[in-house]
Amino acid sequence: MRKILVTLLTVLSITSVLATEPTKNDVEKRIQPVGQVYLAGAEPAKPAEPAGPKSGADVYQQSCFACHGTGAMGAPKKGDAAAWGPREAKGMSTLLDHAINGFNAMPPKGTCMACSNDEIKAAIEFMLK
């Protein structure tokens, strides 16, 4: 009798837990924004348009520093003439090709897919200094 009672209580507790399990719809309702606030006559804010090309320093800080600032995965560090020398000897066109298309562990454009080729070139020139 005791085993039956324990089994029955176990089944009831599992059933109640499953019955209170939130559905996908419940979760979506819970996490949706409460609302939006606009001034009278105003329209929703639009993302800012780029003011112009980013400098080599900006591209380096935003996209290149993680590897080229630390030497991660064998990336030559900024300003390390010994590491950059053999690469620089291959010419800017090769460096630019590797930076744009990816090379070894470096992904294409160093993960800065929004960067133009000129911005990538400016970042390379910044790192060579």
N, C-alpha and C. Protein backbone atom coordinates (compact mmCIF):
# COMPACT_ATOMS: atom_id res chain seq x y z
N MET A 1 0.82 -1.18 0.00
CA MET A 1 0.00 0.00 0.00
C MET A 1 0.88 1.26 0.00
N ARG A 2 1.93 1.20 0.79
CA ARG A 2 2.83 2.35 0.88
C ARG A 2 3.49 2.62 -0.48
N LYS A 3 3.91 1.58 -1.19
CA LYS A 3 4.53 1.74 -2.50
C LYS A 3 3.56 2.36 -3.48
N ILE A 4 2.31 1.97 -3.41
CA ILE A 4 1.30 2.52 -4.32
C ILE A 4 1.11 4.01 -4.04
N LEU A 5 1.06 4.37 -2.77
CA LEU A 5 0.89 5.77 -2.38
C LEU A 5 2.08 6.62 -2.84
N VAL A 6 3.29 6.13 -2.65
CA VAL A 6 4.49 6.84 -3.08
C VAL A 6 4.51 6.99 -4.60
N THR A 7 4.16 5.94 -5.30
CA THR A 7 4.11 5.98 -6.76
C THR A 7 3.07 6.98 -7.24
N LEU A 8 1.91 6.98 -6.61
CA LEU A 8 0.84 7.90 -6.98
C LEU A 8 1.26 9.35 -6.74
N LEU A 9 1.88 9.63 -5.61
CA LEU A 9 2.36 10.99 -5.31
C LEU A 9 3.44 11.43 -6.29
N THR A 10 4.30 10.53 -6.66
CA THR A 10 5.36 10.84 -7.63
C THR A 10 4.75 11.19 -8.98
N VAL A 11 3.80 10.41 -9.43
CA VAL A 11 3.15 10.67 -10.71
C VAL A 11 2.42 12.00 -10.68
N LEU A 12 1.73 12.30 -9.59
CA LEU A 12 1.01 13.57 -9.46
C LEU A 12 1.96 14.75 -9.45
N SER A 13 3.09 14.64 -8.77
CA SER A 13 4.04 15.76 -8.73
C SER A 13 4.67 15.99 -10.09
N ILE A 14 4.99 14.92 -10.82
CA ILE A 14 5.55 15.06 -12.17
C ILE A 14 4.52 15.69 -13.10
N THR A 15 3.29 15.27 -12.98
CA THR A 15 2.22 15.81 -13.82
C THR A 15 2.02 17.29 -13.54
N SER A 16 2.08 17.70 -12.28
CA SER A 16 1.88 19.12 -11.96
C SER A 16 3.04 19.96 -12.47
N VAL A 17 4.25 19.42 -12.42
CA VAL A 17 5.41 20.14 -12.96
C VAL A 17 5.27 20.31 -14.46
N LEU A 18 4.89 19.26 -15.16
CA LEU A 18 4.72 19.33 -16.60
C LEU A 18 3.57 20.25 -16.98
N ALA A 19 2.54 20.30 -16.16
CA ALA A 19 1.39 21.16 -16.46
C ALA A 19 1.76 22.63 -16.34
N THR A 20 2.73 22.97 -15.51
CA THR A 20 3.12 24.37 -15.33
C THR A 20 4.28 24.76 -16.24
N GLU A 21 4.79 23.86 -17.06
CA GLU A 21 5.88 24.14 -17.99
C GLU A 21 5.41 25.23 -18.98
N PRO A 22 6.15 26.35 -19.09
CA PRO A 22 5.71 27.41 -20.00
C PRO A 22 5.85 26.98 -21.46
N THR A 23 4.93 27.44 -22.26
CA THR A 23 4.99 27.17 -23.69
C THR A 23 5.84 28.23 -24.36
N LYS A 24 6.19 27.98 -25.60
CA LYS A 24 6.99 28.95 -26.36
C LYS A 24 6.24 30.28 -26.44
N ASN A 25 4.95 30.22 -26.64
CA ASN A 25 4.13 31.43 -26.74
C ASN A 25 4.17 32.22 -25.43
N ASP A 26 4.10 31.51 -24.29
CA ASP A 26 4.17 32.18 -22.98
C ASP A 26 5.50 32.91 -22.82
N VAL A 27 6.57 32.26 -23.21
CA VAL A 27 7.90 32.86 -23.08
C VAL A 27 8.01 34.09 -23.98
N GLU A 28 7.55 33.99 -25.23
CA GLU A 28 7.61 35.13 -26.15
C GLU A 28 6.82 36.32 -25.62
N LYS A 29 5.65 36.06 -25.03
CA LYS A 29 4.85 37.15 -24.44
C LYS A 29 5.59 37.81 -23.29
N ARG A 30 6.28 36.99 -22.48
CA ARG A 30 6.98 37.52 -21.32
C ARG A 30 8.18 38.38 -21.68
N ILE A 31 8.86 38.08 -22.79
CA ILE A 31 10.09 38.80 -23.11
C ILE A 31 9.91 39.90 -24.14
N GLN A 32 8.70 40.09 -24.66
CA GLN A 32 8.52 41.14 -25.66
C GLN A 32 8.60 42.51 -25.00
N PRO A 33 9.02 43.53 -25.75
CA PRO A 33 9.10 44.88 -25.18
C PRO A 33 7.72 45.34 -24.70
N VAL A 34 7.74 46.12 -23.65
CA VAL A 34 6.49 46.62 -23.09
C VAL A 34 5.87 47.64 -24.03
N GLY A 35 6.70 48.47 -24.63
CA GLY A 35 6.19 49.47 -25.56
C GLY A 35 7.32 50.33 -26.07
N GLN A 36 6.97 51.35 -26.80
CA GLN A 36 7.94 52.29 -27.34
C GLN A 36 7.48 53.70 -26.99
N VAL A 37 8.41 54.59 -26.79
CA VAL A 37 8.08 55.96 -26.43
C VAL A 37 8.59 56.91 -27.50
N TYR A 38 7.71 57.75 -28.01
CA TYR A 38 8.07 58.76 -29.00
C TYR A 38 7.48 60.09 -28.55
N LEU A 39 8.19 61.16 -28.84
CA LEU A 39 7.63 62.49 -28.62
C LEU A 39 6.56 62.73 -29.65
N ALA A 40 5.62 63.60 -29.33
CA ALA A 40 4.52 63.89 -30.26
C ALA A 40 5.09 64.32 -31.60
N GLY A 41 4.65 63.67 -32.66
CA GLY A 41 5.09 64.00 -34.01
C GLY A 41 6.43 63.42 -34.40
N ALA A 42 7.11 62.79 -33.49
CA ALA A 42 8.44 62.24 -33.80
C ALA A 42 8.30 60.85 -34.41
N GLU A 43 9.31 60.45 -35.14
CA GLU A 43 9.35 59.12 -35.72
C GLU A 43 10.39 58.30 -34.97
N PRO A 44 10.31 56.99 -35.08
CA PRO A 44 11.32 56.15 -34.42
C PRO A 44 12.73 56.54 -34.85
N ALA A 45 13.65 56.45 -33.92
CA ALA A 45 15.04 56.78 -34.23
C ALA A 45 15.62 55.80 -35.23
N LYS A 46 16.40 56.31 -36.15
CA LYS A 46 17.05 55.47 -37.15
C LYS A 46 18.52 55.33 -36.76
N PRO A 47 19.13 54.21 -37.08
CA PRO A 47 20.55 54.05 -36.75
C PRO A 47 21.38 55.13 -37.44
N ALA A 48 22.39 55.58 -36.76
CA ALA A 48 23.26 56.63 -37.31
C ALA A 48 24.01 56.10 -38.52
N GLU A 49 24.08 56.92 -39.53
CA GLU A 49 24.84 56.58 -40.72
C GLU A 49 26.32 56.85 -40.45
N PRO A 50 27.20 56.07 -41.00
CA PRO A 50 28.62 56.33 -40.79
C PRO A 50 28.99 57.73 -41.26
N ALA A 51 29.80 58.41 -40.48
CA ALA A 51 30.20 59.78 -40.80
C ALA A 51 31.25 59.83 -41.91
N GLY A 52 31.81 58.73 -42.24
CA GLY A 52 32.86 58.68 -43.25
C GLY A 52 33.74 57.47 -43.00
N PRO A 53 34.78 57.34 -43.76
CA PRO A 53 35.65 56.17 -43.56
C PRO A 53 36.31 56.19 -42.19
N LYS A 54 36.47 55.01 -41.61
CA LYS A 54 37.14 54.89 -40.32
C LYS A 54 38.65 54.97 -40.54
N SER A 55 39.31 55.51 -39.56
CA SER A 55 40.77 55.58 -39.64
C SER A 55 41.36 54.20 -39.37
N GLY A 56 42.62 54.05 -39.74
CA GLY A 56 43.32 52.79 -39.47
C GLY A 56 43.34 52.47 -37.99
N ALA A 57 43.51 53.50 -37.15
CA ALA A 57 43.53 53.30 -35.70
C ALA A 57 42.17 52.82 -35.20
N ASP A 58 41.09 53.38 -35.76
CA ASP A 58 39.75 52.97 -35.34
C ASP A 58 39.48 51.52 -35.72
N VAL A 59 39.82 51.14 -36.94
CA VAL A 59 39.62 49.76 -37.39
C VAL A 59 40.45 48.82 -36.53
N TYR A 60 41.69 49.20 -36.26
CA TYR A 60 42.56 48.37 -35.43
C TYR A 60 41.95 48.15 -34.05
N GLN A 61 41.49 49.24 -33.42
CA GLN A 61 40.91 49.12 -32.08
C GLN A 61 39.64 48.28 -32.07
N GLN A 62 38.80 48.43 -33.09
CA GLN A 62 37.52 47.74 -33.11
C GLN A 62 37.62 46.29 -33.57
N SER A 63 38.50 46.00 -34.50
CA SER A 63 38.49 44.66 -35.10
C SER A 63 39.81 43.91 -35.06
N CYS A 64 40.91 44.59 -34.95
CA CYS A 64 42.22 43.93 -35.09
C CYS A 64 42.93 43.68 -33.76
N PHE A 65 42.63 44.50 -32.77
CA PHE A 65 43.39 44.48 -31.53
C PHE A 65 43.36 43.12 -30.82
N ALA A 66 42.22 42.44 -30.86
CA ALA A 66 42.10 41.17 -30.12
C ALA A 66 43.23 40.21 -30.47
N CYS A 67 43.62 40.16 -31.73
CA CYS A 67 44.71 39.26 -32.13
C CYS A 67 46.03 40.00 -32.31
N HIS A 68 45.99 41.13 -33.03
CA HIS A 68 47.24 41.84 -33.34
C HIS A 68 47.76 42.68 -32.18
N GLY A 69 46.95 42.85 -31.16
CA GLY A 69 47.42 43.54 -29.96
C GLY A 69 48.01 42.59 -28.95
N THR A 70 47.61 41.32 -29.04
CA THR A 70 48.04 40.33 -28.05
C THR A 70 48.93 39.24 -28.63
N GLY A 71 48.94 39.13 -29.96
CA GLY A 71 49.71 38.06 -30.60
C GLY A 71 48.96 36.74 -30.61
N ALA A 72 47.66 36.78 -30.38
CA ALA A 72 46.86 35.55 -30.35
C ALA A 72 46.96 34.80 -31.68
N MET A 73 47.03 33.50 -31.60
CA MET A 73 47.08 32.59 -32.75
C MET A 73 48.20 32.94 -33.72
N GLY A 74 49.29 33.50 -33.21
CA GLY A 74 50.45 33.79 -34.04
C GLY A 74 50.35 35.07 -34.84
N ALA A 75 49.35 35.91 -34.56
CA ALA A 75 49.21 37.18 -35.29
C ALA A 75 50.36 38.10 -34.93
N PRO A 76 50.96 38.76 -35.93
CA PRO A 76 52.03 39.71 -35.62
C PRO A 76 51.47 40.91 -34.86
N LYS A 77 52.15 41.28 -33.78
CA LYS A 77 51.69 42.41 -32.97
C LYS A 77 51.98 43.73 -33.67
N LYS A 78 51.14 44.72 -33.40
CA LYS A 78 51.33 46.06 -33.95
C LYS A 78 52.71 46.57 -33.56
N GLY A 79 53.44 47.08 -34.53
CA GLY A 79 54.74 47.69 -34.27
C GLY A 79 55.89 46.71 -34.12
N ASP A 80 55.65 45.42 -34.19
CA ASP A 80 56.71 44.42 -34.04
C ASP A 80 57.41 44.26 -35.40
N ALA A 81 58.49 45.02 -35.59
CA ALA A 81 59.19 45.05 -36.88
C ALA A 81 59.71 43.68 -37.28
N ALA A 82 60.17 42.88 -36.31
CA ALA A 82 60.71 41.55 -36.64
C ALA A 82 59.61 40.64 -37.19
N ALA A 83 58.42 40.74 -36.65
CA ALA A 83 57.32 39.88 -37.11
C ALA A 83 56.73 40.39 -38.42
N TRP A 84 56.67 41.72 -38.57
CA TRP A 84 56.05 42.30 -39.76
C TRP A 84 57.02 42.35 -40.95
N GLY A 85 58.31 42.37 -40.70
CA GLY A 85 59.30 42.53 -41.76
C GLY A 85 59.12 41.56 -42.93
N PRO A 86 59.12 40.24 -42.67
CA PRO A 86 58.95 39.30 -43.78
C PRO A 86 57.60 39.45 -44.49
N ARG A 87 56.59 39.83 -43.75
CA ARG A 87 55.26 40.02 -44.35
C ARG A 87 55.26 41.27 -45.22
N GLU A 88 55.87 42.33 -44.70
CA GLU A 88 55.93 43.59 -45.44
C GLU A 88 56.76 43.44 -46.71
N ALA A 89 57.76 42.56 -46.67
CA ALA A 89 58.61 42.34 -47.83
C ALA A 89 57.82 41.74 -49.01
N LYS A 90 56.71 41.07 -48.72
CA LYS A 90 55.88 40.50 -49.78
C LYS A 90 55.08 41.56 -50.52
N GLY A 91 55.03 42.76 -49.96
CA GLY A 91 54.33 43.86 -50.61
C GLY A 91 52.94 44.11 -50.04
N MET A 92 52.51 45.35 -50.19
CA MET A 92 51.21 45.75 -49.66
C MET A 92 50.07 45.00 -50.35
N SER A 93 50.21 44.69 -51.63
CA SER A 93 49.12 43.99 -52.32
C SER A 93 48.89 42.60 -51.72
N THR A 94 49.97 41.91 -51.33
CA THR A 94 49.82 40.59 -50.71
C THR A 94 49.24 40.74 -49.31
N LEU A 95 49.73 41.71 -48.55
CA LEU A 95 49.18 41.94 -47.21
C LEU A 95 47.69 42.26 -47.29
N LEU A 96 47.33 43.11 -48.22
CA LEU A 96 45.94 43.50 -48.38
C LEU A 96 45.09 42.30 -48.82
N ASP A 97 45.60 41.50 -49.74
CA ASP A 97 44.88 40.30 -50.17
C ASP A 97 44.64 39.35 -49.00
N HIS A 98 45.65 39.13 -48.18
CA HIS A 98 45.51 38.25 -47.03
C HIS A 98 44.51 38.82 -46.03
N ALA A 99 44.56 40.12 -45.82
CA ALA A 99 43.65 40.75 -44.85
C ALA A 99 42.21 40.70 -45.35
N ILE A 100 41.99 40.92 -46.62
CA ILE A 100 40.63 40.96 -47.16
C ILE A 100 40.04 39.54 -47.28
N ASN A 101 40.82 38.61 -47.74
CA ASN A 101 40.31 37.26 -48.00
C ASN A 101 40.56 36.26 -46.87
N GLY A 102 41.35 36.66 -45.89
CA GLY A 102 41.69 35.75 -44.80
C GLY A 102 42.96 35.00 -45.13
N PHE A 103 43.69 34.63 -44.08
CA PHE A 103 44.95 33.92 -44.29
C PHE A 103 45.29 33.19 -43.00
N ASN A 104 45.61 31.91 -43.10
CA ASN A 104 45.89 31.06 -41.94
C ASN A 104 44.74 31.18 -40.93
N ALA A 105 45.02 31.62 -39.70
CA ALA A 105 43.97 31.71 -38.68
C ALA A 105 43.15 33.00 -38.78
N MET A 106 43.58 33.93 -39.62
CA MET A 106 42.87 35.20 -39.72
C MET A 106 41.64 35.07 -40.62
N PRO A 107 40.48 35.45 -40.10
CA PRO A 107 39.27 35.39 -40.93
C PRO A 107 39.26 36.54 -41.94
N PRO A 108 38.43 36.44 -42.99
CA PRO A 108 38.35 37.54 -43.96
C PRO A 108 38.04 38.86 -43.28
N LYS A 109 38.76 39.87 -43.69
CA LYS A 109 38.64 41.23 -43.16
C LYS A 109 38.80 41.29 -41.65
N GLY A 110 39.40 40.29 -41.08
CA GLY A 110 39.63 40.28 -39.64
C GLY A 110 38.36 40.45 -38.84
N THR A 111 37.25 39.99 -39.36
CA THR A 111 35.89 40.08 -38.81
C THR A 111 35.24 41.45 -38.99
N CYS A 112 35.88 42.38 -39.66
CA CYS A 112 35.27 43.71 -39.90
C CYS A 112 34.62 43.70 -41.28
N MET A 113 33.54 42.97 -41.42
CA MET A 113 32.90 42.83 -42.72
C MET A 113 32.32 44.15 -43.22
N ALA A 114 32.06 45.10 -42.33
CA ALA A 114 31.53 46.40 -42.73
C ALA A 114 32.64 47.33 -43.22
N CYS A 115 33.89 46.94 -43.05
CA CYS A 115 35.02 47.79 -43.45
C CYS A 115 35.24 47.72 -44.96
N SER A 116 35.57 48.86 -45.51
CA SER A 116 35.93 48.90 -46.94
C SER A 116 37.37 48.41 -47.09
N ASN A 117 37.76 48.12 -48.31
CA ASN A 117 39.14 47.70 -48.56
C ASN A 117 40.12 48.80 -48.18
N ASP A 118 39.73 50.06 -48.41
CA ASP A 118 40.61 51.17 -48.03
C ASP A 118 40.78 51.25 -46.52
N GLU A 119 39.71 50.96 -45.76
CA GLU A 119 39.82 50.97 -44.30
C GLU A 119 40.70 49.83 -43.81
N ILE A 120 40.61 48.68 -44.46
CA ILE A 120 41.48 47.55 -44.11
C ILE A 120 42.94 47.92 -44.39
N LYS A 121 43.18 48.56 -45.54
CA LYS A 121 44.54 48.99 -45.89
C LYS A 121 45.05 49.99 -44.86
N ALA A 122 44.19 50.91 -44.42
CA ALA A 122 44.61 51.89 -43.41
C ALA A 122 44.97 51.20 -42.09
N ALA A 123 44.24 50.14 -41.74
CA ALA A 123 44.55 49.39 -40.52
C ALA A 123 45.90 48.69 -40.64
N ILE A 124 46.18 48.13 -41.81
CA ILE A 124 47.47 47.48 -42.03
C ILE A 124 48.60 48.50 -41.88
N GLU A 125 48.45 49.64 -42.53
CA GLU A 125 49.46 50.70 -42.45
C GLU A 125 49.65 51.15 -40.99
N PHE A 126 48.56 51.22 -40.24
CA PHE A 126 48.64 51.60 -38.82
C PHE A 126 49.44 50.56 -38.04
N MET A 127 49.21 49.28 -38.32
CA MET A 127 49.93 48.23 -37.59
C MET A 127 51.40 48.16 -37.96
N LEU A 128 51.73 48.57 -39.16
CA LEU A 128 53.13 48.55 -39.59
C LEU A 128 53.96 49.65 -38.93
N LYS A 129 53.32 50.68 -38.42
CA LYS A 129 54.05 51.80 -37.80
C LYS A 129 54.73 51.36 -36.53
